[in-house]
Amino acid sequence: LEQAYDLRSDLISACTEYGQFLKALVAFSWCLAKIDDDPEHFPFDYNAIWDYQALLCRAAAFDQVSMERLKSLLADYERRMAEINASERNFHEIRMRSALILRDKEMALAARDGIKRTKGDSHSECDACVQNSLILTEAFFGDYKDARKLMQPLLDKKMSCNMVPLRTYGGMINYVYRSGDTELAKRIYKEGIKLIGRKGGFLEQIGNYLIYLSVTDKAEGRKVYEHSLLWALNETEMPWSVFHFHMGAHILFKSLGKTRKTGKMQLPKAFKLYNEEGSYEYKALADYHLGEAQAFAARFDKRNGNTVASDMLNGELARV
C-alpha cells in the first residue's frame, strides 16, 4: 500500500508538470482517501499540501471539473489547512486564483481582503506569486492605478520567481496598453515574450499578446502565432488557456484580414486548416479560431452556470 501511495505521489508530480491535470486529480483523490483512512502512515504532510495547492491552482481552468466539485475541493482544502493550524492566507491565495478564472468579483474581493489581513507561513505561495495575483485582481476590478503601483517591484526586478513576471506581463499587457502607457506595454511585451521563449504552454498569456499585437505589430503577431499554434493543439493544455489563445488568434486574423486576404505561414500538419503550400486565407483562420473560442466559452458558461466566458469573448470582439 505504501508503494502504491508513493507511486501515485510521483505520478501526481509528473502529471502536474506535464499538463495531465485530470489524471493527477484522480491519483490525488486516491491519496487523500488513504490520508483519511490511516493518517499515521499517510499524513497530510508538506508534500501532500503542495500537491493539493498545485492542483487547486489549476482546477478552475478545466471545465471538466464541475462547479460542485470545485467548491468541494476548495472547502476540503480549507478544512484540512485549518486542522493543521496553517495560516488562513493559504486558502485565500487559492481562492483568488480561482476567482480570476471564474471572473467572480465577490470571491476575488473576499480573497484579496483575506490576503491583506493575514500573514503567510511555510505553506504559502512565494511573495512574487501573491503579488501577481493581487496585480491581476486589481486590474480585474478595473483599478489600473493600483495594479500599476503593485507592478512596480516586478518592473524594478526586486520581486520575481520562475513564473513571475512571466504570468504578470502576459496578464497585464492589454490593461497597460489600453491605459495609454504604450511605452511600458512595449517593454513588458518584449520581456514577457522572451520569458516564454520555447518553454511551451502559457497560452493565456500568448492569447493576450496576440490581441495586443493585432493593433501594434501584426507581423510580429503572425510570428508568435506560428510559434505557438502547436501548443494550442495539445490536448493536455488547460482549456481556459486554450480559450484565450483562440480568442487572441481570431482577433489577430480579423485585423490582418482588413488589409490583406492571404498570407504565407509555416503551420503544423496537425492543424485542421493545414495546407502544403503554406498559403492561408485570413478570413478562414479568423472564422476557425472564432468557432473554437465560442465553443470553449460555451463549455465554461455551462460549467459556471452563467455567461461570463462568452461576455469576455464578446467584449474583446467589440473592440475589433
C-alpha atoms as a PDB file:
ATOM      1  CA  LEU A   1       0.000   0.000   0.000  1.00  0.00           C
ATOM      2  CA  GLU A   2       2.853   2.384   0.826  1.00  0.00           C
ATOM      3  CA  GLN A   3       4.453   1.656  -2.535  1.00  0.00           C
ATOM      4  CA  ALA A   4       1.157   2.353  -4.300  1.00  0.00           C
ATOM      5  CA  TYR A   5       0.886   5.647  -2.415  1.00  0.00           C
ATOM      6  CA  ASP A   6       4.445   6.650  -3.327  1.00  0.00           C
ATOM      7  CA  LEU A   7       3.912   5.731  -6.971  1.00  0.00           C
ATOM      8  CA  ARG A   8       0.791   7.874  -7.122  1.00  0.00           C
ATOM      9  CA  SER A   9       2.628  10.749  -5.469  1.00  0.00           C
ATOM     10  CA  ASP A  10       5.262  10.549  -8.196  1.00  0.00           C
ATOM     11  CA  LEU A  11       2.507  10.332 -10.808  1.00  0.00           C
ATOM     12  CA  ILE A  12       0.844  13.462  -9.422  1.00  0.00           C
ATOM     13  CA  SER A  13       4.087  15.428  -9.686  1.00  0.00           C
ATOM     14  CA  ALA A  14       4.738  14.239 -13.234  1.00  0.00           C
ATOM     15  CA  CYS A  15       1.171  14.827 -14.401  1.00  0.00           C
ATOM     16  CA  THR A  16       1.064  18.301 -12.855  1.00  0.00           C
ATOM     17  CA  GLU A  17       4.349  19.256 -14.535  1.00  0.00           C
ATOM     18  CA  TYR A  18       3.336  17.955 -17.970  1.00  0.00           C
ATOM     19  CA  GLY A  19      -0.266  19.117 -18.034  1.00  0.00           C
ATOM     20  CA  GLN A  20      -2.145  15.882 -17.285  1.00  0.00           C
ATOM     21  CA  PHE A  21      -4.284  17.591 -14.675  1.00  0.00           C
ATOM     22  CA  LEU A  22      -7.280  15.260 -14.702  1.00  0.00           C
ATOM     23  CA  LYS A  23      -5.084  12.186 -14.232  1.00  0.00           C
ATOM     24  CA  ALA A  24      -3.306  13.946 -11.374  1.00  0.00           C
ATOM     25  CA  LEU A  25      -6.642  14.779  -9.743  1.00  0.00           C
ATOM     26  CA  VAL A  26      -7.754  11.134  -9.844  1.00  0.00           C
ATOM     27  CA  ALA A  27      -4.461   9.999  -8.322  1.00  0.00           C
ATOM     28  CA  PHE A  28      -4.574  12.664  -5.643  1.00  0.00           C
ATOM     29  CA  SER A  29      -8.157  11.790  -4.707  1.00  0.00           C
ATOM     30  CA  TRP A  30      -6.947   8.231  -4.056  1.00  0.00           C
ATOM     31  CA  CYS A  31      -4.108   9.568  -1.889  1.00  0.00           C
ATOM     32  CA  LEU A  32      -6.496  11.788   0.085  1.00  0.00           C
ATOM     33  CA  ALA A  33      -8.669   8.766   0.833  1.00  0.00           C
ATOM     34  CA  LYS A  34      -5.631   6.949   2.236  1.00  0.00           C
ATOM     35  CA  ILE A  35      -4.676  10.014   4.301  1.00  0.00           C
ATOM     36  CA  ASP A  36      -8.165   9.993   5.828  1.00  0.00           C
ATOM     37  CA  ASP A  37      -8.178   6.215   6.387  1.00  0.00           C
ATOM     38  CA  ASP A  38      -4.748   5.975   8.002  1.00  0.00           C
ATOM     39  CA  PRO A  39      -3.270   9.411   8.897  1.00  0.00           C
ATOM     40  CA  GLU A  40      -0.457   7.838  10.940  1.00  0.00           C
ATOM     41  CA  HIS A  41       1.009   6.064   7.928  1.00  0.00           C
ATOM     42  CA  PHE A  42      -0.119   8.643   5.348  1.00  0.00           C
ATOM     43  CA  PRO A  43      -0.035  12.085   6.988  1.00  0.00           C
ATOM     44  CA  PHE A  44      -1.275  15.298   5.391  1.00  0.00           C
ATOM     45  CA  ASP A  45       2.312  16.486   5.179  1.00  0.00           C
ATOM     46  CA  TYR A  46       4.280  19.114   3.291  1.00  0.00           C
ATOM     47  CA  ASN A  47       4.321  17.148   0.014  1.00  0.00           C
ATOM     48  CA  ALA A  48       0.594  16.400   0.121  1.00  0.00           C
ATOM     49  CA  ILE A  49      -0.179  20.052   0.829  1.00  0.00           C
ATOM     50  CA  TRP A  50       1.887  21.282  -2.110  1.00  0.00           C
ATOM     51  CA  ASP A  51       0.322  18.691  -4.406  1.00  0.00           C
ATOM     52  CA  TYR A  52      -3.118  19.871  -3.308  1.00  0.00           C
ATOM     53  CA  GLN A  53      -2.208  23.518  -3.887  1.00  0.00           C
ATOM     54  CA  ALA A  54      -0.765  22.800  -7.334  1.00  0.00           C
ATOM     55  CA  LEU A  55      -3.982  21.055  -8.355  1.00  0.00           C
ATOM     56  CA  LEU A  56      -6.310  23.671  -6.876  1.00  0.00           C
ATOM     57  CA  CYS A  57      -4.446  26.489  -8.623  1.00  0.00           C
ATOM     58  CA  ARG A  58      -5.414  24.850 -11.932  1.00  0.00           C
ATOM     59  CA  ALA A  59      -8.775  23.254 -11.144  1.00  0.00           C
ATOM     60  CA  ALA A  60     -10.975  26.178 -12.214  1.00  0.00           C
ATOM     61  CA  ALA A  61      -9.172  26.310 -15.572  1.00  0.00           C
ATOM     62  CA  PHE A  62     -10.611  22.899 -16.506  1.00  0.00           C
ATOM     63  CA  ASP A  63     -14.299  22.994 -17.399  1.00  0.00           C
ATOM     64  CA  GLN A  64     -14.356  19.214 -16.846  1.00  0.00           C
ATOM     65  CA  VAL A  65     -14.194  19.987 -13.113  1.00  0.00           C
ATOM     66  CA  SER A  66     -17.795  20.779 -12.190  1.00  0.00           C
ATOM     67  CA  MET A  67     -18.636  23.791 -10.048  1.00  0.00           C
ATOM     68  CA  GLU A  68     -19.876  21.443  -7.340  1.00  0.00           C
ATOM     69  CA  ARG A  69     -16.587  19.542  -7.424  1.00  0.00           C
ATOM     70  CA  LEU A  70     -14.548  22.749  -7.440  1.00  0.00           C
ATOM     71  CA  LYS A  71     -16.386  24.148  -4.416  1.00  0.00           C
ATOM     72  CA  SER A  72     -15.996  20.820  -2.628  1.00  0.00           C
ATOM     73  CA  LEU A  73     -12.239  20.783  -3.256  1.00  0.00           C
ATOM     74  CA  LEU A  74     -11.811  24.364  -2.041  1.00  0.00           C
ATOM     75  CA  ALA A  75     -13.824  23.675   1.113  1.00  0.00           C
ATOM     76  CA  ASP A  76     -11.929  20.457   1.802  1.00  0.00           C
ATOM     77  CA  TYR A  77      -8.576  22.194   1.396  1.00  0.00           C
ATOM     78  CA  GLU A  78      -9.677  24.988   3.718  1.00  0.00           C
ATOM     79  CA  ARG A  79     -10.793  22.460   6.344  1.00  0.00           C
ATOM     80  CA  ARG A  80      -7.562  20.490   6.182  1.00  0.00           C
ATOM     81  CA  MET A  81      -5.391  23.599   6.431  1.00  0.00           C
ATOM     82  CA  ALA A  82      -7.383  24.819   9.447  1.00  0.00           C
ATOM     83  CA  GLU A  83      -6.893  21.431  11.143  1.00  0.00           C
ATOM     84  CA  ILE A  84      -3.100  21.824  10.989  1.00  0.00           C
ATOM     85  CA  ASN A  85      -3.334  25.474  12.127  1.00  0.00           C
ATOM     86  CA  ALA A  86      -1.954  26.808   8.859  1.00  0.00           C
ATOM     87  CA  SER A  87      -2.333  30.460   8.020  1.00  0.00           C
ATOM     88  CA  GLU A  88      -5.692  31.441   6.524  1.00  0.00           C
ATOM     89  CA  ARG A  89      -3.724  33.214   3.831  1.00  0.00           C
ATOM     90  CA  ASN A  90      -3.110  29.869   2.129  1.00  0.00           C
ATOM     91  CA  PHE A  91      -6.706  29.286   1.115  1.00  0.00           C
ATOM     92  CA  HIS A  92      -7.265  32.972   0.338  1.00  0.00           C
ATOM     93  CA  GLU A  93      -4.434  32.667  -2.199  1.00  0.00           C
ATOM     94  CA  ILE A  94      -6.040  29.625  -3.808  1.00  0.00           C
ATOM     95  CA  ARG A  95      -9.491  31.215  -3.857  1.00  0.00           C
ATOM     96  CA  MET A  96      -8.164  34.366  -5.506  1.00  0.00           C
ATOM     97  CA  ARG A  97      -6.625  32.354  -8.330  1.00  0.00           C
ATOM     98  CA  SER A  98      -9.894  30.510  -8.836  1.00  0.00           C
ATOM     99  CA  ALA A  99     -11.872  33.763  -8.739  1.00  0.00           C
ATOM    100  CA  LEU A 100      -9.776  35.260 -11.551  1.00  0.00           C
ATOM    101  CA  ILE A 101     -10.643  32.318 -13.801  1.00  0.00           C
ATOM    102  CA  LEU A 102     -14.297  32.260 -12.756  1.00  0.00           C
ATOM    103  CA  ARG A 103     -14.407  36.079 -13.122  1.00  0.00           C
ATOM    104  CA  ASP A 104     -16.142  36.143  -9.749  1.00  0.00           C
ATOM    105  CA  LYS A 105     -15.665  39.633  -8.281  1.00  0.00           C
ATOM    106  CA  GLU A 106     -17.258  38.842  -4.934  1.00  0.00           C
ATOM    107  CA  MET A 107     -14.983  35.836  -4.456  1.00  0.00           C
ATOM    108  CA  ALA A 108     -11.945  37.804  -5.622  1.00  0.00           C
ATOM    109  CA  LEU A 109     -12.699  40.691  -3.259  1.00  0.00           C
ATOM    110  CA  ALA A 110     -13.049  38.398  -0.250  1.00  0.00           C
ATOM    111  CA  ALA A 111      -9.810  36.607  -1.152  1.00  0.00           C
ATOM    112  CA  ARG A 112      -7.900  39.845  -1.714  1.00  0.00           C
ATOM    113  CA  ASP A 113      -9.024  41.278   1.619  1.00  0.00           C
ATOM    114  CA  GLY A 114      -8.181  37.986   3.315  1.00  0.00           C
ATOM    115  CA  ILE A 115      -4.635  38.092   1.957  1.00  0.00           C
ATOM    116  CA  LYS A 116      -4.147  41.683   3.072  1.00  0.00           C
ATOM    117  CA  ARG A 117      -5.149  40.975   6.674  1.00  0.00           C
ATOM    118  CA  THR A 118      -3.141  37.755   7.141  1.00  0.00           C
ATOM    119  CA  LYS A 119       0.477  36.678   7.052  1.00  0.00           C
ATOM    120  CA  GLY A 120       1.858  33.681   5.212  1.00  0.00           C
ATOM    121  CA  ASP A 121       3.643  30.660   6.582  1.00  0.00           C
ATOM    122  CA  SER A 122       5.756  27.798   5.221  1.00  0.00           C
ATOM    123  CA  HIS A 123       2.788  26.569   3.161  1.00  0.00           C
ATOM    124  CA  SER A 124       2.133  29.901   1.458  1.00  0.00           C
ATOM    125  CA  GLU A 125       2.973  30.828  -2.105  1.00  0.00           C
ATOM    126  CA  CYS A 126       6.070  32.938  -2.689  1.00  0.00           C
ATOM    127  CA  ASP A 127       5.748  36.714  -2.426  1.00  0.00           C
ATOM    128  CA  ALA A 128       6.058  37.156  -6.200  1.00  0.00           C
ATOM    129  CA  CYS A 129       3.177  34.780  -6.929  1.00  0.00           C
ATOM    130  CA  VAL A 130       0.957  36.501  -4.372  1.00  0.00           C
ATOM    131  CA  GLN A 131       1.887  39.892  -5.832  1.00  0.00           C
ATOM    132  CA  ASN A 132       0.997  38.624  -9.301  1.00  0.00           C
ATOM    133  CA  SER A 133      -2.472  37.572  -8.145  1.00  0.00           C
ATOM    134  CA  LEU A 134      -3.026  40.901  -6.405  1.00  0.00           C
ATOM    135  CA  ILE A 135      -1.989  42.820  -9.538  1.00  0.00           C
ATOM    136  CA  LEU A 136      -4.325  40.862 -11.788  1.00  0.00           C
ATOM    137  CA  THR A 137      -7.137  41.159  -9.256  1.00  0.00           C
ATOM    138  CA  GLU A 138      -6.889  44.956  -9.128  1.00  0.00           C
ATOM    139  CA  ALA A 139      -6.883  45.031 -12.930  1.00  0.00           C
ATOM    140  CA  PHE A 140      -9.933  42.736 -12.935  1.00  0.00           C
ATOM    141  CA  PHE A 141     -11.680  45.227 -10.639  1.00  0.00           C
ATOM    142  CA  GLY A 142     -10.885  47.967 -13.150  1.00  0.00           C
ATOM    143  CA  ASP A 143      -8.425  49.730 -10.860  1.00  0.00           C
ATOM    144  CA  TYR A 144      -5.456  50.100 -13.201  1.00  0.00           C
ATOM    145  CA  LYS A 145      -3.793  52.716 -10.977  1.00  0.00           C
ATOM    146  CA  ASP A 146      -3.447  50.296  -8.051  1.00  0.00           C
ATOM    147  CA  ALA A 147      -2.489  47.419 -10.360  1.00  0.00           C
ATOM    148  CA  ARG A 148       0.240  49.568 -11.915  1.00  0.00           C
ATOM    149  CA  LYS A 149       1.544  50.532  -8.477  1.00  0.00           C
ATOM    150  CA  LEU A 150       1.702  46.882  -7.428  1.00  0.00           C
ATOM    151  CA  MET A 151       3.626  46.068 -10.616  1.00  0.00           C
ATOM    152  CA  GLN A 152       6.500  48.392  -9.782  1.00  0.00           C
ATOM    153  CA  PRO A 153       8.578  45.894  -7.719  1.00  0.00           C
ATOM    154  CA  LEU A 154       8.401  43.491 -10.678  1.00  0.00           C
ATOM    155  CA  LEU A 155       9.402  46.208 -13.135  1.00  0.00           C
ATOM    156  CA  ASP A 156      12.294  47.151 -10.854  1.00  0.00           C
ATOM    157  CA  LYS A 157      13.310  43.461 -10.772  1.00  0.00           C
ATOM    158  CA  LYS A 158      13.044  43.415  -6.986  1.00  0.00           C
ATOM    159  CA  MET A 159      10.497  40.597  -6.962  1.00  0.00           C
ATOM    160  CA  SER A 160      10.385  37.529  -9.197  1.00  0.00           C
ATOM    161  CA  CYS A 161      10.178  33.741  -9.361  1.00  0.00           C
ATOM    162  CA  ASN A 162      10.088  31.130 -12.114  1.00  0.00           C
ATOM    163  CA  MET A 163       6.523  32.184 -13.055  1.00  0.00           C
ATOM    164  CA  VAL A 164       6.590  35.895 -12.270  1.00  0.00           C
ATOM    165  CA  PRO A 165       6.719  38.321 -14.040  1.00  0.00           C
ATOM    166  CA  LEU A 166       6.054  35.932 -16.951  1.00  0.00           C
ATOM    167  CA  ARG A 167       2.400  35.470 -15.983  1.00  0.00           C
ATOM    168  CA  THR A 168       2.030  39.073 -14.841  1.00  0.00           C
ATOM    169  CA  TYR A 169       3.191  40.717 -18.049  1.00  0.00           C
ATOM    170  CA  GLY A 170       1.055  38.422 -20.186  1.00  0.00           C
ATOM    171  CA  GLY A 171      -1.944  39.100 -17.985  1.00  0.00           C
ATOM    172  CA  MET A 172      -1.456  42.872 -17.849  1.00  0.00           C
ATOM    173  CA  ILE A 173      -0.382  43.685 -21.417  1.00  0.00           C
ATOM    174  CA  ASN A 174      -3.753  44.904 -22.690  1.00  0.00           C
ATOM    175  CA  TYR A 175      -4.639  46.718 -19.467  1.00  0.00           C
ATOM    176  CA  VAL A 176      -1.345  48.611 -19.770  1.00  0.00           C
ATOM    177  CA  TYR A 177      -1.727  49.378 -23.481  1.00  0.00           C
ATOM    178  CA  ARG A 178      -5.346  50.476 -23.178  1.00  0.00           C
ATOM    179  CA  SER A 179      -4.461  52.784 -20.295  1.00  0.00           C
ATOM    180  CA  GLY A 180      -2.321  54.754 -22.751  1.00  0.00           C
ATOM    181  CA  ASP A 181       1.039  53.619 -21.342  1.00  0.00           C
ATOM    182  CA  THR A 182       2.270  52.390 -24.730  1.00  0.00           C
ATOM    183  CA  GLU A 183       5.980  52.515 -23.890  1.00  0.00           C
ATOM    184  CA  LEU A 184       5.505  50.309 -20.841  1.00  0.00           C
ATOM    185  CA  ALA A 185       3.376  47.967 -22.961  1.00  0.00           C
ATOM    186  CA  LYS A 186       6.259  47.642 -25.440  1.00  0.00           C
ATOM    187  CA  ARG A 187       8.645  46.871 -22.609  1.00  0.00           C
ATOM    188  CA  ILE A 188       6.566  44.227 -20.880  1.00  0.00           C
ATOM    189  CA  TYR A 189       5.733  42.563 -24.216  1.00  0.00           C
ATOM    190  CA  LYS A 190       9.408  42.354 -25.141  1.00  0.00           C
ATOM    191  CA  GLU A 191      10.393  40.995 -21.726  1.00  0.00           C
ATOM    192  CA  GLY A 192       7.328  38.776 -21.368  1.00  0.00           C
ATOM    193  CA  ILE A 193       7.563  37.011 -24.721  1.00  0.00           C
ATOM    194  CA  LYS A 194      11.284  36.422 -24.113  1.00  0.00           C
ATOM    195  CA  LEU A 195      10.483  34.761 -20.777  1.00  0.00           C
ATOM    196  CA  ILE A 196       8.057  32.384 -22.516  1.00  0.00           C
ATOM    197  CA  GLY A 197      10.636  31.543 -25.194  1.00  0.00           C
ATOM    198  CA  ARG A 198      10.323  27.938 -26.261  1.00  0.00           C
ATOM    199  CA  LYS A 199       9.036  26.609 -22.945  1.00  0.00           C
ATOM    200  CA  GLY A 200       5.673  25.657 -24.384  1.00  0.00           C
ATOM    201  CA  GLY A 201       2.281  26.471 -22.945  1.00  0.00           C
ATOM    202  CA  PHE A 202       1.408  29.833 -21.368  1.00  0.00           C
ATOM    203  CA  LEU A 203      -1.373  30.121 -23.924  1.00  0.00           C
ATOM    204  CA  GLU A 204      -3.420  32.525 -21.832  1.00  0.00           C
ATOM    205  CA  GLN A 205      -0.531  34.976 -21.902  1.00  0.00           C
ATOM    206  CA  ILE A 206       0.131  34.348 -25.603  1.00  0.00           C
ATOM    207  CA  GLY A 207      -3.530  34.916 -26.417  1.00  0.00           C
ATOM    208  CA  ASN A 208      -3.341  38.284 -24.669  1.00  0.00           C
ATOM    209  CA  TYR A 209      -0.186  39.125 -26.590  1.00  0.00           C
ATOM    210  CA  LEU A 210      -1.905  38.293 -29.889  1.00  0.00           C
ATOM    211  CA  ILE A 211      -4.665  40.775 -29.040  1.00  0.00           C
ATOM    212  CA  TYR A 212      -2.033  43.411 -28.262  1.00  0.00           C
ATOM    213  CA  LEU A 213      -0.106  42.693 -31.461  1.00  0.00           C
ATOM    214  CA  SER A 214      -3.262  42.840 -33.558  1.00  0.00           C
ATOM    215  CA  VAL A 215      -3.159  46.615 -33.095  1.00  0.00           C
ATOM    216  CA  THR A 216       0.561  47.267 -32.646  1.00  0.00           C
ATOM    217  CA  ASP A 217       2.577  44.835 -34.794  1.00  0.00           C
ATOM    218  CA  LYS A 218       0.634  42.374 -36.935  1.00  0.00           C
ATOM    219  CA  ALA A 219       3.785  40.889 -38.489  1.00  0.00           C
ATOM    220  CA  GLU A 220       5.109  40.060 -35.038  1.00  0.00           C
ATOM    221  CA  GLY A 221       1.698  38.644 -34.185  1.00  0.00           C
ATOM    222  CA  ARG A 222       1.931  36.206 -37.090  1.00  0.00           C
ATOM    223  CA  LYS A 223       5.341  35.029 -35.876  1.00  0.00           C
ATOM    224  CA  VAL A 224       4.065  34.470 -32.346  1.00  0.00           C
ATOM    225  CA  TYR A 225       1.055  32.599 -33.737  1.00  0.00           C
ATOM    226  CA  GLU A 226       3.222  30.326 -35.917  1.00  0.00           C
ATOM    227  CA  HIS A 227       5.487  29.600 -32.975  1.00  0.00           C
ATOM    228  CA  SER A 228       2.709  28.747 -30.513  1.00  0.00           C
ATOM    229  CA  LEU A 229      -0.095  27.134 -32.552  1.00  0.00           C
ATOM    230  CA  LEU A 230       1.159  23.606 -31.943  1.00  0.00           C
ATOM    231  CA  TRP A 231       0.900  24.144 -28.189  1.00  0.00           C
ATOM    232  CA  ALA A 232      -2.759  25.081 -28.581  1.00  0.00           C
ATOM    233  CA  LEU A 233      -3.403  21.779 -30.364  1.00  0.00           C
ATOM    234  CA  ASN A 234      -2.026  19.857 -27.381  1.00  0.00           C
ATOM    235  CA  GLU A 235      -4.981  18.301 -25.560  1.00  0.00           C
ATOM    236  CA  THR A 236      -3.168  18.470 -22.212  1.00  0.00           C
ATOM    237  CA  GLU A 237      -3.208  22.278 -22.166  1.00  0.00           C
ATOM    238  CA  MET A 238      -5.612  23.976 -19.757  1.00  0.00           C
ATOM    239  CA  PRO A 239      -8.899  24.686 -21.573  1.00  0.00           C
ATOM    240  CA  TRP A 240      -9.098  28.190 -20.093  1.00  0.00           C
ATOM    241  CA  SER A 241      -5.698  28.997 -21.595  1.00  0.00           C
ATOM    242  CA  VAL A 242      -6.601  27.479 -24.968  1.00  0.00           C
ATOM    243  CA  PHE A 243      -9.764  29.601 -24.959  1.00  0.00           C
ATOM    244  CA  HIS A 244      -7.606  32.723 -24.626  1.00  0.00           C
ATOM    245  CA  PHE A 245      -5.338  31.590 -27.450  1.00  0.00           C
ATOM    246  CA  HIS A 246      -8.238  31.083 -29.860  1.00  0.00           C
ATOM    247  CA  MET A 247      -9.730  34.428 -28.854  1.00  0.00           C
ATOM    248  CA  GLY A 248      -6.433  36.199 -29.497  1.00  0.00           C
ATOM    249  CA  ALA A 249      -5.824  34.360 -32.770  1.00  0.00           C
ATOM    250  CA  HIS A 250      -9.257  35.275 -34.080  1.00  0.00           C
ATOM    251  CA  ILE A 251      -8.725  38.949 -33.280  1.00  0.00           C
ATOM    252  CA  LEU A 252      -5.280  38.905 -34.912  1.00  0.00           C
ATOM    253  CA  PHE A 253      -6.517  37.392 -38.185  1.00  0.00           C
ATOM    254  CA  LYS A 254      -9.655  39.512 -38.212  1.00  0.00           C
ATOM    255  CA  SER A 255      -7.353  42.517 -38.043  1.00  0.00           C
ATOM    256  CA  LEU A 256      -4.964  41.152 -40.686  1.00  0.00           C
ATOM    257  CA  GLY A 257      -7.882  40.442 -42.995  1.00  0.00           C
ATOM    258  CA  LYS A 258      -8.817  44.111 -43.151  1.00  0.00           C
ATOM    259  CA  THR A 259      -5.828  44.877 -45.388  1.00  0.00           C
ATOM    260  CA  ARG A 260      -4.877  41.531 -46.982  1.00  0.00           C
ATOM    261  CA  LYS A 261      -6.723  38.351 -47.869  1.00  0.00           C
ATOM    262  CA  THR A 262      -3.941  35.767 -47.527  1.00  0.00           C
ATOM    263  CA  GLY A 263      -0.524  35.217 -46.005  1.00  0.00           C
ATOM    264  CA  LYS A 264       2.283  32.661 -46.025  1.00  0.00           C
ATOM    265  CA  MET A 265       2.943  30.768 -42.809  1.00  0.00           C
ATOM    266  CA  GLN A 266       4.544  27.526 -41.716  1.00  0.00           C
ATOM    267  CA  LEU A 267       1.862  25.839 -39.624  1.00  0.00           C
ATOM    268  CA  PRO A 268       1.899  22.318 -38.136  1.00  0.00           C
ATOM    269  CA  LYS A 269       0.442  19.426 -40.118  1.00  0.00           C
ATOM    270  CA  ALA A 270      -1.765  18.589 -37.149  1.00  0.00           C
ATOM    271  CA  PHE A 271      -3.659  21.836 -37.705  1.00  0.00           C
ATOM    272  CA  LYS A 272      -7.121  21.380 -39.214  1.00  0.00           C
ATOM    273  CA  LEU A 273      -6.565  24.033 -41.903  1.00  0.00           C
ATOM    274  CA  TYR A 274      -3.019  22.958 -42.804  1.00  0.00           C
ATOM    275  CA  ASN A 275      -2.026  23.005 -46.460  1.00  0.00           C
ATOM    276  CA  GLU A 276       1.288  22.132 -48.092  1.00  0.00           C
ATOM    277  CA  GLU A 277       1.539  25.417 -49.969  1.00  0.00           C
ATOM    278  CA  GLY A 278       1.579  27.317 -46.698  1.00  0.00           C
ATOM    279  CA  SER A 279      -0.807  29.958 -48.016  1.00  0.00           C
ATOM    280  CA  TYR A 280      -3.696  30.749 -45.693  1.00  0.00           C
ATOM    281  CA  GLU A 281      -6.784  32.910 -46.011  1.00  0.00           C
ATOM    282  CA  TYR A 282      -7.003  35.213 -43.052  1.00  0.00           C
ATOM    283  CA  LYS A 283     -10.779  35.060 -43.013  1.00  0.00           C
ATOM    284  CA  ALA A 284     -10.725  31.258 -42.838  1.00  0.00           C
ATOM    285  CA  LEU A 285      -8.263  31.397 -39.949  1.00  0.00           C
ATOM    286  CA  ALA A 286     -10.302  34.062 -38.169  1.00  0.00           C
ATOM    287  CA  ASP A 287     -13.502  32.055 -38.590  1.00  0.00           C
ATOM    288  CA  TYR A 288     -11.865  28.846 -37.374  1.00  0.00           C
ATOM    289  CA  HIS A 289     -10.480  30.420 -34.213  1.00  0.00           C
ATOM    290  CA  LEU A 290     -13.718  32.250 -33.508  1.00  0.00           C
ATOM    291  CA  GLY A 291     -15.602  28.960 -33.682  1.00  0.00           C
ATOM    292  CA  GLU A 292     -13.122  27.354 -31.296  1.00  0.00           C
ATOM    293  CA  ALA A 293     -13.244  30.305 -28.896  1.00  0.00           C
ATOM    294  CA  GLN A 294     -17.044  30.253 -28.878  1.00  0.00           C
ATOM    295  CA  ALA A 295     -17.053  26.515 -28.215  1.00  0.00           C
ATOM    296  CA  PHE A 296     -14.695  26.882 -25.245  1.00  0.00           C
ATOM    297  CA  ALA A 297     -16.702  29.838 -23.935  1.00  0.00           C
ATOM    298  CA  ALA A 298     -19.872  27.755 -24.108  1.00  0.00           C
ATOM    299  CA  ARG A 299     -18.188  24.972 -22.137  1.00  0.00           C
ATOM    300  CA  PHE A 300     -17.152  27.323 -19.353  1.00  0.00           C
ATOM    301  CA  ASP A 301     -20.526  29.064 -19.331  1.00  0.00           C
ATOM    302  CA  LYS A 302     -22.196  25.697 -18.873  1.00  0.00           C
ATOM    303  CA  ARG A 303     -19.840  24.728 -16.047  1.00  0.00           C
ATOM    304  CA  ASN A 304     -20.076  28.117 -14.343  1.00  0.00           C
ATOM    305  CA  GLY A 305     -23.823  28.482 -14.752  1.00  0.00           C
ATOM    306  CA  ASN A 306     -23.503  31.960 -16.256  1.00  0.00           C
ATOM    307  CA  THR A 307     -22.291  33.754 -19.405  1.00  0.00           C
ATOM    308  CA  VAL A 308     -19.038  35.168 -18.040  1.00  0.00           C
ATOM    309  CA  ALA A 309     -16.777  33.476 -20.605  1.00  0.00           C
ATOM    310  CA  SER A 310     -18.996  34.475 -23.534  1.00  0.00           C
ATOM    311  CA  ASP A 311     -19.224  38.006 -22.148  1.00  0.00           C
ATOM    312  CA  MET A 312     -15.417  38.193 -22.020  1.00  0.00           C
ATOM    313  CA  LEU A 313     -15.177  36.984 -25.612  1.00  0.00           C
ATOM    314  CA  ASN A 314     -17.867  39.347 -26.871  1.00  0.00           C
ATOM    315  CA  GLY A 315     -16.232  42.236 -25.035  1.00  0.00           C
ATOM    316  CA  GLU A 316     -12.963  41.654 -26.885  1.00  0.00           C
ATOM    317  CA  LEU A 317     -14.737  41.157 -30.226  1.00  0.00           C
ATOM    318  CA  ALA A 318     -16.453  44.505 -29.796  1.00  0.00           C
ATOM    319  CA  ARG A 319     -13.041  46.191 -29.827  1.00  0.00           C
ATOM    320  CA  VAL A 320     -12.019  44.796 -33.247  1.00  0.00           C
END
